[in-house]
Amino acid sequence: MPLPIDTPTLDCDRIRLRKLTEADTADMHALYSDEVAMAYWGTPATKTIEASRQMVLRDIRAVDNGSAMFWAIEWKAAAKVIGKCTLWQYSENNQRAEVGYILNRQYWRMGLMSAALEAMINYAFSDLGLHRLEADTDSNNTASLALLEKLGFQREGYFRERWYVSGQRQDSVMLGLLEQDWAGRS
């Protein structure tokens, strides 16, 4: 059974997680074309708005076929999309999925991704009934590793030269979060 096709809106204090649409292309291009923001993403920064549009459309198709859930992270004050988060690599049989996220660097270090991930994690465990979430993170992405650990993810593995992005081999840290650990946190 695939993930639900209807992406629910998840409201937080300053942000809203909502369905990603093609109309979000311009906002996502500001993020996808930023080499600093994309340094730890699985693909290089885009050069054109059309390339960014194709990335948005790829995400929409993944939602439509039930292989992923993508949320646009909307800054409420400006009704502007500033990032996205996702559940993907879903396994119904094993009740697990992988998390992914990226944020426009103008909005880094404001606690926004923490709020977005908390909302998505709550949804994954309570509404989808998942048992485990995983995160595959570049070993050099210290901010992301710190965020995941703050949310209760535990380091479970280290993979040398797992990814090849922008002409470089990148190591990867695998982290996991169990539903009972999330439910039991203070």
Protein backbone atom coordinates (compact mmCIF):
# COMPACT_ATOMS: atom_id res chain seq x y z
CA MET A 1 0.00 0.00 0.00
CA PRO A 2 1.46 3.40 -0.92
CA LEU A 3 1.55 6.55 1.16
CA PRO A 4 -1.61 8.70 1.17
CA ILE A 5 -1.94 10.90 -1.91
CA ASP A 6 -3.74 13.66 0.02
CA THR A 7 -1.02 15.66 1.73
CA PRO A 8 -2.55 17.19 4.87
CA THR A 9 -1.83 20.76 5.90
CA LEU A 10 0.12 20.91 9.16
CA ASP A 11 0.07 24.27 10.92
CA CYS A 12 2.85 25.51 13.19
CA ASP A 13 3.41 28.87 14.86
CA ARG A 14 5.28 30.71 12.07
CA ILE A 15 5.10 28.17 9.26
CA ARG A 16 2.61 25.95 7.51
CA LEU A 17 3.37 22.63 5.87
CA ARG A 18 1.15 22.20 2.86
CA LYS A 19 0.99 20.34 -0.41
CA LEU A 20 3.79 21.26 -2.83
CA THR A 21 2.42 22.57 -6.15
CA GLU A 22 3.84 23.65 -9.48
CA ALA A 23 2.98 27.23 -8.51
CA ASP A 24 5.78 26.97 -5.92
CA THR A 25 8.44 26.71 -8.63
CA ALA A 26 9.75 30.28 -8.35
CA ASP A 27 10.14 30.04 -4.56
CA MET A 28 11.77 26.63 -4.86
CA HIS A 29 14.10 27.93 -7.58
CA ALA A 30 15.47 30.45 -5.07
CA LEU A 31 16.44 27.43 -2.97
CA TYR A 32 17.39 24.90 -5.67
CA SER A 33 19.69 27.36 -7.46
CA ASP A 34 21.61 28.24 -4.27
CA GLU A 35 24.85 26.24 -4.25
CA VAL A 36 25.34 26.73 -0.51
CA ALA A 37 21.85 25.46 0.37
CA MET A 38 22.20 22.55 -2.07
CA ALA A 39 25.70 21.53 -0.90
CA TYR A 40 24.31 18.58 1.08
CA TRP A 41 21.40 17.72 -1.21
CA GLY A 42 21.56 14.70 -3.51
CA THR A 43 21.65 16.79 -6.68
CA PRO A 44 23.67 19.84 -7.71
CA ALA A 45 22.16 23.33 -7.70
CA THR A 46 19.95 24.09 -10.68
CA LYS A 47 20.97 26.63 -13.31
CA THR A 48 17.52 27.48 -14.73
CA ILE A 49 14.00 27.90 -13.45
CA GLU A 50 12.96 25.13 -15.85
CA ALA A 51 15.34 22.71 -14.11
CA SER A 52 13.81 23.73 -10.77
CA ARG A 53 10.32 23.24 -12.20
CA GLN A 54 11.27 19.72 -13.25
CA MET A 55 12.41 18.98 -9.68
CA VAL A 56 9.08 20.26 -8.32
CA LEU A 57 7.17 18.18 -10.88
CA ARG A 58 9.20 15.09 -9.95
CA ASP A 59 8.17 15.58 -6.32
CA ILE A 60 4.51 16.03 -7.30
CA ARG A 61 4.60 12.82 -9.37
CA ALA A 62 6.07 10.96 -6.38
CA VAL A 63 3.13 12.13 -4.26
CA ASP A 64 0.63 11.22 -7.00
CA ASN A 65 1.96 7.66 -7.23
CA GLY A 66 2.12 7.26 -3.45
CA SER A 67 5.89 6.78 -3.20
CA ALA A 68 6.50 9.95 -1.13
CA MET A 69 4.83 12.79 0.72
CA PHE A 70 6.22 16.27 0.08
CA TRP A 71 5.27 19.35 2.04
CA ALA A 72 6.08 22.89 1.00
CA ILE A 73 7.23 24.86 4.05
CA GLU A 74 5.38 28.15 3.82
CA TRP A 75 6.47 31.21 5.81
CA LYS A 76 3.08 32.44 7.06
CA ALA A 77 4.07 36.10 7.37
CA ALA A 78 4.78 36.37 3.63
CA ALA A 79 2.81 33.40 2.21
CA LYS A 80 6.13 32.37 0.66
CA VAL A 81 7.56 28.85 0.27
CA ILE A 82 10.94 28.69 1.97
CA GLY A 83 11.68 24.97 1.82
CA LYS A 84 10.28 21.48 1.80
CA CYS A 85 10.23 18.32 3.86
CA THR A 86 9.39 14.78 2.86
CA LEU A 87 8.64 11.26 3.90
CA TRP A 88 9.91 8.80 1.31
CA GLN A 89 11.52 5.35 1.00
CA TYR A 90 8.30 4.18 2.63
CA SER A 91 7.92 0.54 3.64
CA GLU A 92 4.41 -0.36 4.73
CA ASN A 93 5.47 -3.87 5.73
CA ASN A 94 8.20 -2.50 8.02
CA GLN A 95 6.25 0.61 9.08
CA ARG A 96 9.12 2.95 8.28
CA ALA A 97 10.03 5.88 6.06
CA GLU A 98 12.97 8.18 5.49
CA VAL A 99 12.82 11.90 6.21
CA GLY A 100 14.27 14.59 3.99
CA TYR A 101 14.27 18.36 4.21
CA ILE A 102 15.83 21.52 2.84
CA LEU A 103 15.40 25.19 3.73
CA ASN A 104 16.23 28.46 2.00
CA ARG A 105 19.34 29.66 3.82
CA GLN A 106 17.77 33.08 4.46
CA TYR A 107 15.70 31.22 7.08
CA TRP A 108 18.43 29.08 8.67
CA ARG A 109 18.95 29.17 12.44
CA MET A 110 15.46 30.46 13.21
CA GLY A 111 14.03 27.17 14.54
CA LEU A 112 11.78 26.80 11.50
CA MET A 113 13.06 23.42 10.32
CA SER A 114 12.84 22.08 13.84
CA ALA A 115 9.16 23.09 13.94
CA ALA A 116 8.53 21.62 10.47
CA LEU A 117 10.15 18.30 11.34
CA GLU A 118 8.32 18.06 14.67
CA ALA A 119 4.99 18.47 12.85
CA MET A 120 5.94 15.94 10.18
CA ILE A 121 7.25 13.43 12.73
CA ASN A 122 4.08 13.74 14.80
CA TYR A 123 2.04 13.09 11.66
CA ALA A 124 4.21 10.11 10.65
CA PHE A 125 3.90 8.37 14.01
CA SER A 126 0.33 9.29 14.98
CA ASP A 127 -1.56 9.50 11.67
CA LEU A 128 0.43 7.09 9.50
CA GLY A 129 1.18 4.67 12.34
CA LEU A 130 4.86 4.37 11.45
CA HIS A 131 7.21 2.64 13.87
CA ARG A 132 10.54 4.03 12.61
CA LEU A 133 11.91 7.05 10.77
CA GLU A 134 15.35 7.22 9.20
CA ALA A 135 17.59 10.04 8.00
CA ASP A 136 20.54 9.70 5.63
CA THR A 137 22.73 12.77 6.20
CA ASP A 138 26.02 14.00 4.76
CA SER A 139 28.67 13.54 7.44
CA ASN A 140 29.84 17.15 6.95
CA ASN A 141 26.37 18.61 7.52
CA THR A 142 26.87 19.35 11.20
CA ALA A 143 23.78 21.57 11.49
CA SER A 144 21.51 18.85 10.15
CA LEU A 145 23.08 16.18 12.34
CA ALA A 146 22.62 18.40 15.40
CA LEU A 147 18.98 19.07 14.50
CA LEU A 148 18.20 15.38 14.04
CA GLU A 149 19.89 14.48 17.32
CA LYS A 150 17.99 17.27 19.09
CA LEU A 151 14.79 15.65 17.81
CA GLY A 152 15.84 12.28 19.24
CA PHE A 153 17.35 10.56 16.20
CA GLN A 154 20.27 8.30 17.05
CA ARG A 155 23.34 7.66 14.91
CA GLU A 156 23.22 4.08 13.72
CA GLY A 157 25.66 3.80 10.87
CA TYR A 158 28.41 5.47 8.87
CA PHE A 159 28.78 4.84 5.15
CA ARG A 160 32.01 5.88 3.48
CA GLU A 161 31.76 7.52 0.05
CA ARG A 162 28.08 6.58 -0.30
CA TRP A 163 27.04 9.48 -2.54
CA TYR A 164 28.62 11.07 -5.59
CA VAL A 165 27.38 14.66 -5.92
CA SER A 166 28.84 17.53 -7.93
CA GLY A 167 32.01 15.59 -8.68
CA GLN A 168 32.71 14.67 -5.06
CA ARG A 169 32.32 11.51 -3.02
CA GLN A 170 30.42 12.11 0.20
CA ASP A 171 30.22 10.04 3.37
CA SER A 172 26.85 9.47 4.96
CA VAL A 173 25.56 9.11 8.52
CA MET A 174 22.41 7.03 8.99
CA LEU A 175 20.20 7.99 11.91
CA GLY A 176 17.01 6.40 13.24
CA LEU A 177 14.10 7.42 15.44
CA LEU A 178 11.64 4.94 16.93
CA GLU A 179 8.06 5.87 17.73
CA GLN A 180 8.43 4.88 21.39
CA ASP A 181 11.47 7.16 21.75
CA TRP A 182 9.52 10.06 20.20
CA ALA A 183 6.49 9.42 22.41
CA GLY A 184 8.68 9.17 25.52
CA ARG A 185 10.67 12.35 25.05
CA SER A 186 10.08 15.20 27.49
